[in-house]
Amino acid sequence: MAVRKGFGGCALSFVPDRYLQGKVGKSLCRAAVLSNGYSIKYVPDHLITSNLVKLAIETSAPVKDVLLPDGSRSTKGIYYKDYPVLSVVPDKFMSKEMVVLSARLYPESLQYAPKKICFS
């Protein structure tokens, strides 16, 4: 499936709206999020659910091989540590449960949590 490959997690943004409806749309969005949690920012509002947001937070960012100057290889996340999935979660789905989940997996993500949720 094309939404699972390349384009840094934004392949879903190129899918025509007519395919982002019903079961086909749900399936495409789920595949994209499973491939890269950051894809949640390209899921149309009518297809986003709390479960999909939770899946996005739990899905690690893809990694790529990096060739170092000395000829050795390393793996590196293609996204920055300081830009967690929580930062792209729609406000409508931002809940204490999502903040706690994200903080448990990525403590640095707390800086993107709304103060009203952190201090409630």
PDB file of N, CA and C in Angstrom:
ATOM      1  N   MET A   1       0.838  -1.179   0.000  1.00  0.00           N
ATOM      2  CA  MET A   1       0.000   0.000   0.000  1.00  0.00           C
ATOM      3  C   MET A   1       0.880   1.238   0.000  1.00  0.00           C
ATOM      4  N   ALA A   2       0.576   2.163  -0.860  1.00  0.00           N
ATOM      5  CA  ALA A   2       1.393   3.371  -1.006  1.00  0.00           C
ATOM      6  C   ALA A   2       1.445   4.223   0.252  1.00  0.00           C
ATOM      7  N   VAL A   3       0.391   4.241   1.046  1.00  0.00           N
ATOM      8  CA  VAL A   3       0.390   5.098   2.232  1.00  0.00           C
ATOM      9  C   VAL A   3       1.347   4.592   3.298  1.00  0.00           C
ATOM     10  N   ARG A   4       1.894   3.408   3.111  1.00  0.00           N
ATOM     11  CA  ARG A   4       2.806   2.855   4.096  1.00  0.00           C
ATOM     12  C   ARG A   4       4.264   3.115   3.747  1.00  0.00           C
ATOM     13  N   LYS A   5       4.527   3.689   2.596  1.00  0.00           N
ATOM     14  CA  LYS A   5       5.903   3.867   2.132  1.00  0.00           C
ATOM     15  C   LYS A   5       6.220   5.341   1.910  1.00  0.00           C
ATOM     16  N   GLY A   6       7.419   5.716   2.240  1.00  0.00           N
ATOM     17  CA  GLY A   6       7.991   7.000   1.863  1.00  0.00           C
ATOM     18  C   GLY A   6       7.219   8.253   2.220  1.00  0.00           C
ATOM     19  N   PHE A   7       7.663   9.340   1.662  1.00  0.00           N
ATOM     20  CA  PHE A   7       7.095  10.685   1.844  1.00  0.00           C
ATOM     21  C   PHE A   7       7.053  11.110   3.301  1.00  0.00           C
ATOM     22  N   GLY A   8       7.910  10.520   4.117  1.00  0.00           N
ATOM     23  CA  GLY A   8       8.013  10.940   5.509  1.00  0.00           C
ATOM     24  C   GLY A   8       6.716  10.924   6.287  1.00  0.00           C
ATOM     25  N   GLY A   9       5.845  10.004   5.962  1.00  0.00           N
ATOM     26  CA  GLY A   9       4.601   9.891   6.712  1.00  0.00           C
ATOM     27  C   GLY A   9       3.468  10.735   6.174  1.00  0.00           C
ATOM     28  N   CYS A  10       3.706  11.469   5.100  1.00  0.00           N
ATOM     29  CA  CYS A  10       2.637  12.337   4.600  1.00  0.00           C
ATOM     30  C   CYS A  10       2.015  11.812   3.310  1.00  0.00           C
ATOM     31  N   ALA A  11       2.280  10.559   2.936  1.00  0.00           N
ATOM     32  CA  ALA A  11       1.700   9.994   1.717  1.00  0.00           C
ATOM     33  C   ALA A  11       0.184  10.087   1.734  1.00  0.00           C
ATOM     34  N   LEU A  12      -0.406   9.990   2.907  1.00  0.00           N
ATOM     35  CA  LEU A  12      -1.858  10.067   3.033  1.00  0.00           C
ATOM     36  C   LEU A  12      -2.384  11.415   2.532  1.00  0.00           C
ATOM     37  N   SER A  13      -1.568  12.441   2.618  1.00  0.00           N
ATOM     38  CA  SER A  13      -2.001  13.769   2.172  1.00  0.00           C
ATOM     39  C   SER A  13      -2.197  13.829   0.660  1.00  0.00           C
ATOM     40  N   PHE A  14      -1.663  12.846  -0.074  1.00  0.00           N
ATOM     41  CA  PHE A  14      -1.808  12.819  -1.527  1.00  0.00           C
ATOM     42  C   PHE A  14      -2.977  11.959  -1.997  1.00  0.00           C
ATOM     43  N   VAL A  15      -3.642  11.277  -1.070  1.00  0.00           N
ATOM     44  CA  VAL A  15      -4.757  10.398  -1.430  1.00  0.00           C
ATOM     45  C   VAL A  15      -5.993  11.254  -1.712  1.00  0.00           C
ATOM     46  N   PRO A  16      -6.621  11.070  -2.885  1.00  0.00           N
ATOM     47  CA  PRO A  16      -7.831  11.845  -3.200  1.00  0.00           C
ATOM     48  C   PRO A  16      -8.945  11.617  -2.174  1.00  0.00           C
ATOM     49  N   ASP A  17      -9.695  12.668  -1.896  1.00  0.00           N
ATOM     50  CA  ASP A  17     -10.773  12.615  -0.899  1.00  0.00           C
ATOM     51  C   ASP A  17     -11.768  11.486  -1.147  1.00  0.00           C
ATOM     52  N   ARG A  18     -12.019  11.169  -2.389  1.00  0.00           N
ATOM     53  CA  ARG A  18     -13.015  10.133  -2.688  1.00  0.00           C
ATOM     54  C   ARG A  18     -12.620   8.763  -2.123  1.00  0.00           C
ATOM     55  N   TYR A  19     -11.315   8.556  -1.868  1.00  0.00           N
ATOM     56  CA  TYR A  19     -10.860   7.286  -1.292  1.00  0.00           C
ATOM     57  C   TYR A  19     -10.828   7.323   0.233  1.00  0.00           C
ATOM     58  N   LEU A  20     -11.027   8.496   0.783  1.00  0.00           N
ATOM     59  CA  LEU A  20     -10.980   8.643   2.238  1.00  0.00           C
ATOM     60  C   LEU A  20     -12.390   8.696   2.818  1.00  0.00           C
ATOM     61  N   GLN A  21     -13.186   7.733   2.411  1.00  0.00           N
ATOM     62  CA  GLN A  21     -14.572   7.609   2.851  1.00  0.00           C
ATOM     63  C   GLN A  21     -14.824   6.158   3.256  1.00  0.00           C
ATOM     64  N   GLY A  22     -15.691   5.952   4.203  1.00  0.00           N
ATOM     65  CA  GLY A  22     -16.148   4.612   4.580  1.00  0.00           C
ATOM     66  C   GLY A  22     -15.033   3.663   4.975  1.00  0.00           C
ATOM     67  N   LYS A  23     -15.253   2.379   4.687  1.00  0.00           N
ATOM     68  CA  LYS A  23     -14.311   1.330   5.092  1.00  0.00           C
ATOM     69  C   LYS A  23     -12.957   1.471   4.406  1.00  0.00           C
ATOM     70  N   VAL A  24     -12.971   1.861   3.136  1.00  0.00           N
ATOM     71  CA  VAL A  24     -11.711   2.038   2.405  1.00  0.00           C
ATOM     72  C   VAL A  24     -10.889   3.149   3.053  1.00  0.00           C
ATOM     73  N   GLY A  25     -11.529   4.246   3.355  1.00  0.00           N
ATOM     74  CA  GLY A  25     -10.838   5.365   3.996  1.00  0.00           C
ATOM     75  C   GLY A  25     -10.288   4.994   5.360  1.00  0.00           C
ATOM     76  N   LYS A  26     -11.098   4.292   6.144  1.00  0.00           N
ATOM     77  CA  LYS A  26     -10.646   3.849   7.472  1.00  0.00           C
ATOM     78  C   LYS A  26      -9.430   2.942   7.356  1.00  0.00           C
ATOM     79  N   SER A  27      -9.486   2.046   6.385  1.00  0.00           N
ATOM     80  CA  SER A  27      -8.392   1.107   6.170  1.00  0.00           C
ATOM     81  C   SER A  27      -7.111   1.834   5.741  1.00  0.00           C
ATOM     82  N   LEU A  28      -7.233   2.774   4.823  1.00  0.00           N
ATOM     83  CA  LEU A  28      -6.065   3.547   4.371  1.00  0.00           C
ATOM     84  C   LEU A  28      -5.459   4.351   5.511  1.00  0.00           C
ATOM     85  N   CYS A  29      -6.301   4.992   6.281  1.00  0.00           N
ATOM     86  CA  CYS A  29      -5.816   5.819   7.390  1.00  0.00           C
ATOM     87  C   CYS A  29      -5.148   4.970   8.457  1.00  0.00           C
ATOM     88  N   ARG A  30      -5.733   3.839   8.762  1.00  0.00           N
ATOM     89  CA  ARG A  30      -5.143   2.942   9.763  1.00  0.00           C
ATOM     90  C   ARG A  30      -3.785   2.434   9.280  1.00  0.00           C
ATOM     91  N   ALA A  31      -3.691   2.065   8.012  1.00  0.00           N
ATOM     92  CA  ALA A  31      -2.417   1.587   7.460  1.00  0.00           C
ATOM     93  C   ALA A  31      -1.359   2.688   7.524  1.00  0.00           C
ATOM     94  N   ALA A  32      -1.749   3.900   7.202  1.00  0.00           N
ATOM     95  CA  ALA A  32      -0.809   5.019   7.240  1.00  0.00           C
ATOM     96  C   ALA A  32      -0.320   5.265   8.670  1.00  0.00           C
ATOM     97  N   VAL A  33      -1.230   5.260   9.623  1.00  0.00           N
ATOM     98  CA  VAL A  33      -0.874   5.508  11.021  1.00  0.00           C
ATOM     99  C   VAL A  33      -0.020   4.366  11.573  1.00  0.00           C
ATOM    100  N   LEU A  34      -0.315   3.138  11.188  1.00  0.00           N
ATOM    101  CA  LEU A  34       0.497   2.001  11.624  1.00  0.00           C
ATOM    102  C   LEU A  34       1.916   2.096  11.084  1.00  0.00           C
ATOM    103  N   SER A  35       2.048   2.666   9.908  1.00  0.00           N
ATOM    104  CA  SER A  35       3.353   2.834   9.296  1.00  0.00           C
ATOM    105  C   SER A  35       4.123   3.986   9.930  1.00  0.00           C
ATOM    106  N   ASN A  36       3.392   5.030  10.303  1.00  0.00           N
ATOM    107  CA  ASN A  36       4.024   6.224  10.847  1.00  0.00           C
ATOM    108  C   ASN A  36       2.980   7.007  11.633  1.00  0.00           C
ATOM    109  N   GLY A  37       3.130   7.080  12.939  1.00  0.00           N
ATOM    110  CA  GLY A  37       2.146   7.750  13.788  1.00  0.00           C
ATOM    111  C   GLY A  37       1.882   9.198  13.418  1.00  0.00           C
ATOM    112  N   TYR A  38       2.887   9.859  12.817  1.00  0.00           N
ATOM    113  CA  TYR A  38       2.721  11.260  12.434  1.00  0.00           C
ATOM    114  C   TYR A  38       1.685  11.448  11.322  1.00  0.00           C
ATOM    115  N   SER A  39       1.318  10.354  10.657  1.00  0.00           N
ATOM    116  CA  SER A  39       0.300  10.426   9.604  1.00  0.00           C
ATOM    117  C   SER A  39      -1.054  10.872  10.143  1.00  0.00           C
ATOM    118  N   ILE A  40      -1.238  10.818  11.447  1.00  0.00           N
ATOM    119  CA  ILE A  40      -2.523  11.215  12.043  1.00  0.00           C
ATOM    120  C   ILE A  40      -2.891  12.639  11.642  1.00  0.00           C
ATOM    121  N   LYS A  41      -1.900  13.478  11.377  1.00  0.00           N
ATOM    122  CA  LYS A  41      -2.217  14.863  11.016  1.00  0.00           C
ATOM    123  C   LYS A  41      -2.835  14.980   9.626  1.00  0.00           C
ATOM    124  N   TYR A  42      -2.778  13.913   8.824  1.00  0.00           N
ATOM    125  CA  TYR A  42      -3.374  13.933   7.492  1.00  0.00           C
ATOM    126  C   TYR A  42      -4.681  13.155   7.402  1.00  0.00           C
ATOM    127  N   VAL A  43      -5.105  12.574   8.519  1.00  0.00           N
ATOM    128  CA  VAL A  43      -6.371  11.834   8.538  1.00  0.00           C
ATOM    129  C   VAL A  43      -7.521  12.838   8.602  1.00  0.00           C
ATOM    130  N   PRO A  44      -8.491  12.713   7.689  1.00  0.00           N
ATOM    131  CA  PRO A  44      -9.636  13.638   7.724  1.00  0.00           C
ATOM    132  C   PRO A  44     -10.386  13.537   9.055  1.00  0.00           C
ATOM    133  N   ASP A  45     -10.914  14.667   9.499  1.00  0.00           N
ATOM    134  CA  ASP A  45     -11.617  14.728  10.785  1.00  0.00           C
ATOM    135  C   ASP A  45     -12.676  13.645  10.946  1.00  0.00           C
ATOM    136  N   HIS A  46     -13.418  13.354   9.874  1.00  0.00           N
ATOM    137  CA  HIS A  46     -14.512  12.394  10.002  1.00  0.00           C
ATOM    138  C   HIS A  46     -14.022  10.948  10.180  1.00  0.00           C
ATOM    139  N   LEU A  47     -12.720  10.700   9.998  1.00  0.00           N
ATOM    140  CA  LEU A  47     -12.188   9.353  10.173  1.00  0.00           C
ATOM    141  C   LEU A  47     -11.326   9.197  11.429  1.00  0.00           C
ATOM    142  N   ILE A  48     -11.067  10.287  12.110  1.00  0.00           N
ATOM    143  CA  ILE A  48     -10.255  10.198  13.324  1.00  0.00           C
ATOM    144  C   ILE A  48     -11.116   9.709  14.488  1.00  0.00           C
ATOM    145  N   THR A  49     -10.557   8.754  15.210  1.00  0.00           N
ATOM    146  CA  THR A  49     -11.200   8.240  16.418  1.00  0.00           C
ATOM    147  C   THR A  49     -10.161   8.250  17.547  1.00  0.00           C
ATOM    148  N   SER A  50     -10.626   8.114  18.752  1.00  0.00           N
ATOM    149  CA  SER A  50      -9.701   8.029  19.889  1.00  0.00           C
ATOM    150  C   SER A  50      -8.769   6.847  19.737  1.00  0.00           C
ATOM    151  N   ASN A  51      -9.288   5.739  19.239  1.00  0.00           N
ATOM    152  CA  ASN A  51      -8.449   4.551  19.045  1.00  0.00           C
ATOM    153  C   ASN A  51      -7.347   4.798  18.022  1.00  0.00           C
ATOM    154  N   LEU A  52      -7.660   5.538  16.958  1.00  0.00           N
ATOM    155  CA  LEU A  52      -6.659   5.836  15.937  1.00  0.00           C
ATOM    156  C   LEU A  52      -5.590   6.784  16.490  1.00  0.00           C
ATOM    157  N   VAL A  53      -6.005   7.738  17.303  1.00  0.00           N
ATOM    158  CA  VAL A  53      -5.052   8.655  17.937  1.00  0.00           C
ATOM    159  C   VAL A  53      -4.140   7.871  18.883  1.00  0.00           C
ATOM    160  N   LYS A  54      -4.712   6.974  19.653  1.00  0.00           N
ATOM    161  CA  LYS A  54      -3.926   6.144  20.571  1.00  0.00           C
ATOM    162  C   LYS A  54      -2.912   5.311  19.787  1.00  0.00           C
ATOM    163  N   LEU A  55      -3.350   4.745  18.683  1.00  0.00           N
ATOM    164  CA  LEU A  55      -2.465   3.960  17.828  1.00  0.00           C
ATOM    165  C   LEU A  55      -1.329   4.827  17.285  1.00  0.00           C
ATOM    166  N   ALA A  56      -1.655   6.056  16.899  1.00  0.00           N
ATOM    167  CA  ALA A  56      -0.637   6.972  16.377  1.00  0.00           C
ATOM    168  C   ALA A  56       0.424   7.262  17.436  1.00  0.00           C
ATOM    169  N   ILE A  57       0.001   7.489  18.653  1.00  0.00           N
ATOM    170  CA  ILE A  57       0.946   7.785  19.736  1.00  0.00           C
ATOM    171  C   ILE A  57       1.820   6.564  20.030  1.00  0.00           C
ATOM    172  N   GLU A  58       1.223   5.391  19.969  1.00  0.00           N
ATOM    173  CA  GLU A  58       1.958   4.160  20.276  1.00  0.00           C
ATOM    174  C   GLU A  58       2.894   3.721  19.155  1.00  0.00           C
ATOM    175  N   THR A  59       2.630   4.164  17.941  1.00  0.00           N
ATOM    176  CA  THR A  59       3.432   3.747  16.797  1.00  0.00           C
ATOM    177  C   THR A  59       4.717   4.558  16.746  1.00  0.00           C
ATOM    178  N   SER A  60       5.814   3.853  16.765  1.00  0.00           N
ATOM    179  CA  SER A  60       7.087   4.562  16.726  1.00  0.00           C
ATOM    180  C   SER A  60       7.328   5.120  15.317  1.00  0.00           C
ATOM    181  N   ALA A  61       8.115   6.167  15.268  1.00  0.00           N
ATOM    182  CA  ALA A  61       8.476   6.763  13.987  1.00  0.00           C
ATOM    183  C   ALA A  61       9.403   5.802  13.256  1.00  0.00           C
ATOM    184  N   PRO A  62       9.301   5.767  11.944  1.00  0.00           N
ATOM    185  CA  PRO A  62      10.192   4.894  11.180  1.00  0.00           C
ATOM    186  C   PRO A  62      11.648   5.314  11.365  1.00  0.00           C
ATOM    187  N   VAL A  63      12.519   4.382  11.140  1.00  0.00           N
ATOM    188  CA  VAL A  63      13.951   4.680  11.198  1.00  0.00           C
ATOM    189  C   VAL A  63      14.563   4.423   9.830  1.00  0.00           C
ATOM    190  N   LYS A  64      15.698   5.031   9.590  1.00  0.00           N
ATOM    191  CA  LYS A  64      16.400   4.783   8.344  1.00  0.00           C
ATOM    192  C   LYS A  64      17.869   4.541   8.664  1.00  0.00           C
ATOM    193  N   ASP A  65      18.544   3.839   7.767  1.00  0.00           N
ATOM    194  CA  ASP A  65      19.980   3.633   7.922  1.00  0.00           C
ATOM    195  C   ASP A  65      20.694   4.914   7.527  1.00  0.00           C
ATOM    196  N   VAL A  66      21.681   5.256   8.304  1.00  0.00           N
ATOM    197  CA  VAL A  66      22.489   6.431   8.012  1.00  0.00           C
ATOM    198  C   VAL A  66      23.930   5.970   7.848  1.00  0.00           C
ATOM    199  N   LEU A  67      24.547   6.354   6.736  1.00  0.00           N
ATOM    200  CA  LEU A  67      25.941   6.031   6.495  1.00  0.00           C
ATOM    201  C   LEU A  67      26.788   7.138   7.105  1.00  0.00           C
ATOM    202  N   LEU A  68      27.620   6.776   8.064  1.00  0.00           N
ATOM    203  CA  LEU A  68      28.461   7.747   8.762  1.00  0.00           C
ATOM    204  C   LEU A  68      29.757   7.974   7.990  1.00  0.00           C
ATOM    205  N   PRO A  69      30.423   9.110   8.211  1.00  0.00           N
ATOM    206  CA  PRO A  69      31.648   9.426   7.480  1.00  0.00           C
ATOM    207  C   PRO A  69      32.736   8.363   7.569  1.00  0.00           C
ATOM    208  N   ASP A  70      32.767   7.620   8.665  1.00  0.00           N
ATOM    209  CA  ASP A  70      33.800   6.588   8.814  1.00  0.00           C
ATOM    210  C   ASP A  70      33.420   5.277   8.113  1.00  0.00           C
ATOM    211  N   GLY A  71      32.285   5.268   7.411  1.00  0.00           N
ATOM    212  CA  GLY A  71      31.850   4.089   6.675  1.00  0.00           C
ATOM    213  C   GLY A  71      30.928   3.167   7.462  1.00  0.00           C
ATOM    214  N   SER A  72      30.762   3.427   8.739  1.00  0.00           N
ATOM    215  CA  SER A  72      29.860   2.600   9.540  1.00  0.00           C
ATOM    216  C   SER A  72      28.418   3.056   9.326  1.00  0.00           C
ATOM    217  N   ARG A  73      27.507   2.244   9.782  1.00  0.00           N
ATOM    218  CA  ARG A  73      26.089   2.548   9.635  1.00  0.00           C
ATOM    219  C   ARG A  73      25.444   2.716  11.003  1.00  0.00           C
ATOM    220  N   SER A  74      24.403   3.502  11.023  1.00  0.00           N
ATOM    221  CA  SER A  74      23.631   3.704  12.239  1.00  0.00           C
ATOM    222  C   SER A  74      22.177   3.836  11.839  1.00  0.00           C
ATOM    223  N   THR A  75      21.275   3.624  12.769  1.00  0.00           N
ATOM    224  CA  THR A  75      19.872   3.868  12.480  1.00  0.00           C
ATOM    225  C   THR A  75      19.468   5.154  13.174  1.00  0.00           C
ATOM    226  N   LYS A  76      18.585   5.867  12.538  1.00  0.00           N
ATOM    227  CA  LYS A  76      18.174   7.163  13.057  1.00  0.00           C
ATOM    228  C   LYS A  76      16.687   7.337  12.777  1.00  0.00           C
ATOM    229  N   GLY A  77      15.949   7.817  13.770  1.00  0.00           N
ATOM    230  CA  GLY A  77      14.545   8.121  13.552  1.00  0.00           C
ATOM    231  C   GLY A  77      14.428   9.250  12.534  1.00  0.00           C
ATOM    232  N   ILE A  78      13.466   9.163  11.635  1.00  0.00           N
ATOM    233  CA  ILE A  78      13.358  10.210  10.631  1.00  0.00           C
ATOM    234  C   ILE A  78      12.634  11.432  11.164  1.00  0.00           C
ATOM    235  N   TYR A  79      12.186  11.366  12.405  1.00  0.00           N
ATOM    236  CA  TYR A  79      11.560  12.532  13.029  1.00  0.00           C
ATOM    237  C   TYR A  79      12.350  12.938  14.247  1.00  0.00           C
ATOM    238  N   TYR A  80      12.189  14.150  14.635  1.00  0.00           N
ATOM    239  CA  TYR A  80      12.935  14.710  15.742  1.00  0.00           C
ATOM    240  C   TYR A  80      12.316  14.269  17.057  1.00  0.00           C
ATOM    241  N   LYS A  81      13.165  14.067  18.041  1.00  0.00           N
ATOM    242  CA  LYS A  81      12.676  13.688  19.364  1.00  0.00           C
ATOM    243  C   LYS A  81      11.810  14.781  19.967  1.00  0.00           C
ATOM    244  N   ASP A  82      12.105  16.017  19.623  1.00  0.00           N
ATOM    245  CA  ASP A  82      11.371  17.124  20.246  1.00  0.00           C
ATOM    246  C   ASP A  82      10.089  17.474  19.485  1.00  0.00           C
ATOM    247  N   TYR A  83       9.669  16.613  18.592  1.00  0.00           N
ATOM    248  CA  TYR A  83       8.451  16.833  17.816  1.00  0.00           C
ATOM    249  C   TYR A  83       7.603  15.561  17.890  1.00  0.00           C
ATOM    250  N   PRO A  84       7.084  15.233  19.073  1.00  0.00           N
ATOM    251  CA  PRO A  84       6.347  13.982  19.248  1.00  0.00           C
ATOM    252  C   PRO A  84       4.974  14.016  18.573  1.00  0.00           C
ATOM    253  N   VAL A  85       4.428  12.838  18.367  1.00  0.00           N
ATOM    254  CA  VAL A  85       3.105  12.706  17.759  1.00  0.00           C
ATOM    255  C   VAL A  85       2.070  13.522  18.526  1.00  0.00           C
ATOM    256  N   LEU A  86       2.209  13.602  19.827  1.00  0.00           N
ATOM    257  CA  LEU A  86       1.253  14.370  20.632  1.00  0.00           C
ATOM    258  C   LEU A  86       1.107  15.802  20.116  1.00  0.00           C
ATOM    259  N   SER A  87       2.160  16.336  19.519  1.00  0.00           N
ATOM    260  CA  SER A  87       2.118  17.712  19.024  1.00  0.00           C
ATOM    261  C   SER A  87       1.208  17.882  17.805  1.00  0.00           C
ATOM    262  N   VAL A  88       0.815  16.797  17.157  1.00  0.00           N
ATOM    263  CA  VAL A  88      -0.072  16.892  15.991  1.00  0.00           C
ATOM    264  C   VAL A  88      -1.453  16.284  16.248  1.00  0.00           C
ATOM    265  N   VAL A  89      -1.710  15.890  17.479  1.00  0.00           N
ATOM    266  CA  VAL A  89      -3.029  15.337  17.827  1.00  0.00           C
ATOM    267  C   VAL A  89      -4.049  16.481  17.835  1.00  0.00           C
ATOM    268  N   PRO A  90      -5.163  16.302  17.124  1.00  0.00           N
ATOM    269  CA  PRO A  90      -6.194  17.352  17.127  1.00  0.00           C
ATOM    270  C   PRO A  90      -6.714  17.618  18.540  1.00  0.00           C
ATOM    271  N   ASP A  91      -6.985  18.884  18.840  1.00  0.00           N
ATOM    272  CA  ASP A  91      -7.471  19.287  20.163  1.00  0.00           C
ATOM    273  C   ASP A  91      -8.666  18.456  20.619  1.00  0.00           C
ATOM    274  N   LYS A  92      -9.536  18.151  19.689  1.00  0.00           N
ATOM    275  CA  LYS A  92     -10.753  17.393  19.998  1.00  0.00           C
ATOM    276  C   LYS A  92     -10.440  16.039  20.646  1.00  0.00           C
ATOM    277  N   PHE A  93      -9.264  15.480  20.334  1.00  0.00           N
ATOM    278  CA  PHE A  93      -8.907  14.158  20.842  1.00  0.00           C
ATOM    279  C   PHE A  93      -7.828  14.203  21.914  1.00  0.00           C
ATOM    280  N   MET A  94      -7.445  15.403  22.293  1.00  0.00           N
ATOM    281  CA  MET A  94      -6.445  15.551  23.348  1.00  0.00           C
ATOM    282  C   MET A  94      -7.131  15.297  24.687  1.00  0.00           C
ATOM    283  N   SER A  95      -6.734  14.246  25.349  1.00  0.00           N
ATOM    284  CA  SER A  95      -7.346  13.883  26.627  1.00  0.00           C
ATOM    285  C   SER A  95      -6.247  13.508  27.610  1.00  0.00           C
ATOM    286  N   LYS A  96      -6.629  13.389  28.846  1.00  0.00           N
ATOM    287  CA  LYS A  96      -5.675  12.990  29.878  1.00  0.00           C
ATOM    288  C   LYS A  96      -5.079  11.628  29.538  1.00  0.00           C
ATOM    289  N   GLU A  97      -5.911  10.723  29.035  1.00  0.00           N
ATOM    290  CA  GLU A  97      -5.447   9.389  28.656  1.00  0.00           C
ATOM    291  C   GLU A  97      -4.352   9.466  27.585  1.00  0.00           C
ATOM    292  N   MET A  98      -4.545  10.315  26.582  1.00  0.00           N
ATOM    293  CA  MET A  98      -3.556  10.445  25.503  1.00  0.00           C
ATOM    294  C   MET A  98      -2.262  11.083  26.004  1.00  0.00           C
ATOM    295  N   VAL A  99      -2.398  12.076  26.875  1.00  0.00           N
ATOM    296  CA  VAL A  99      -1.221  12.753  27.430  1.00  0.00           C
ATOM    297  C   VAL A  99      -0.415  11.777  28.292  1.00  0.00           C
ATOM    298  N   VAL A 100      -1.094  11.015  29.132  1.00  0.00           N
ATOM    299  CA  VAL A 100      -0.412  10.048  29.989  1.00  0.00           C
ATOM    300  C   VAL A 100       0.293   8.985  29.149  1.00  0.00           C
ATOM    301  N   LEU A 101      -0.383   8.481  28.132  1.00  0.00           N
ATOM    302  CA  LEU A 101       0.209   7.478  27.245  1.00  0.00           C
ATOM    303  C   LEU A 101       1.460   8.038  26.571  1.00  0.00           C
ATOM    304  N   SER A 102       1.346   9.214  26.015  1.00  0.00           N
ATOM    305  CA  SER A 102       2.475   9.830  25.333  1.00  0.00           C
ATOM    306  C   SER A 102       3.629  10.105  26.294  1.00  0.00           C
ATOM    307  N   ALA A 103       3.313  10.607  27.467  1.00  0.00           N
ATOM    308  CA  ALA A 103       4.348  10.920  28.460  1.00  0.00           C
ATOM    309  C   ALA A 103       5.061   9.661  28.933  1.00  0.00           C
ATOM    310  N   ARG A 104       4.316   8.584  29.048  1.00  0.00           N
ATOM    311  CA  ARG A 104       4.930   7.320  29.470  1.00  0.00           C
ATOM    312  C   ARG A 104       5.918   6.819  28.410  1.00  0.00           C
ATOM    313  N   LEU A 105       5.547   6.969  27.139  1.00  0.00           N
ATOM    314  CA  LEU A 105       6.405   6.498  26.049  1.00  0.00           C
ATOM    315  C   LEU A 105       7.501   7.493  25.690  1.00  0.00           C
ATOM    316  N   TYR A 106       7.155   8.774  25.737  1.00  0.00           N
ATOM    317  CA  TYR A 106       8.070   9.849  25.322  1.00  0.00           C
ATOM    318  C   TYR A 106       7.943  11.004  26.309  1.00  0.00           C
ATOM    319  N   PRO A 107       8.655  10.969  27.414  1.00  0.00           N
ATOM    320  CA  PRO A 107       8.504  11.995  28.448  1.00  0.00           C
ATOM    321  C   PRO A 107       8.633  13.429  27.930  1.00  0.00           C
ATOM    322  N   GLU A 108       9.464  13.630  26.915  1.00  0.00           N
ATOM    323  CA  GLU A 108       9.639  14.981  26.370  1.00  0.00           C
ATOM    324  C   GLU A 108       8.374  15.528  25.711  1.00  0.00           C
ATOM    325  N   SER A 109       7.408  14.658  25.443  1.00  0.00           N
ATOM    326  CA  SER A 109       6.174  15.099  24.789  1.00  0.00           C
ATOM    327  C   SER A 109       5.286  15.939  25.706  1.00  0.00           C
ATOM    328  N   LEU A 110       5.563  15.930  26.993  1.00  0.00           N
ATOM    329  CA  LEU A 110       4.733  16.702  27.935  1.00  0.00           C
ATOM    330  C   LEU A 110       4.690  18.191  27.607  1.00  0.00           C
ATOM    331  N   GLN A 111       5.725  18.689  26.967  1.00  0.00           N
ATOM    332  CA  GLN A 111       5.727  20.110  26.619  1.00  0.00           C
ATOM    333  C   GLN A 111       4.626  20.461  25.621  1.00  0.00           C
ATOM    334  N   TYR A 112       4.060  19.466  24.945  1.00  0.00           N
ATOM    335  CA  TYR A 112       2.983  19.702  23.981  1.00  0.00           C
ATOM    336  C   TYR A 112       1.602  19.450  24.572  1.00  0.00           C
ATOM    337  N   ALA A 113       1.556  19.035  25.806  1.00  0.00           N
ATOM    338  CA  ALA A 113       0.271  18.756  26.455  1.00  0.00           C
ATOM    339  C   ALA A 113      -0.366  20.064  26.919  1.00  0.00           C
ATOM    340  N   PRO A 114      -1.661  20.199  26.707  1.00  0.00           N
ATOM    341  CA  PRO A 114      -2.348  21.410  27.182  1.00  0.00           C
ATOM    342  C   PRO A 114      -2.269  21.515  28.702  1.00  0.00           C
ATOM    343  N   LYS A 115      -2.031  22.703  29.183  1.00  0.00           N
ATOM    344  CA  LYS A 115      -1.907  22.926  30.639  1.00  0.00           C
ATOM    345  C   LYS A 115      -3.180  22.511  31.385  1.00  0.00           C
ATOM    346  N   LYS A 116      -4.340  22.726  30.752  1.00  0.00           N
ATOM    347  CA  LYS A 116      -5.594  22.377  31.428  1.00  0.00           C
ATOM    348  C   LYS A 116      -5.686  20.872  31.696  1.00  0.00           C
ATOM    349  N   ILE A 117      -5.037  20.056  30.878  1.00  0.00           N
ATOM    350  CA  ILE A 117      -5.051  18.612  31.095  1.00  0.00           C
ATOM    351  C   ILE A 117      -3.990  18.225  32.120  1.00  0.00           C
ATOM    352  N   CYS A 118      -2.841  18.844  32.047  1.00  0.00           N
ATOM    353  CA  CYS A 118      -1.742  18.501  32.976  1.00  0.00           C
ATOM    354  C   CYS A 118      -2.043  18.889  34.413  1.00  0.00           C
ATOM    355  N   PHE A 119      -2.784  19.964  34.590  1.00  0.00           N
ATOM    356  CA  PHE A 119      -3.015  20.455  35.932  1.00  0.00           C
ATOM    357  C   PHE A 119      -4.442  20.237  36.423  1.00  0.00           C
ATOM    358  N   SER A 120      -5.134  19.299  35.814  1.00  0.00           N
ATOM    359  CA  SER A 120      -6.514  19.030  36.263  1.00  0.00           C
ATOM    360  C   SER A 120      -6.546  17.901  37.259  1.00  0.00           C
TER     361      SER A 120
END
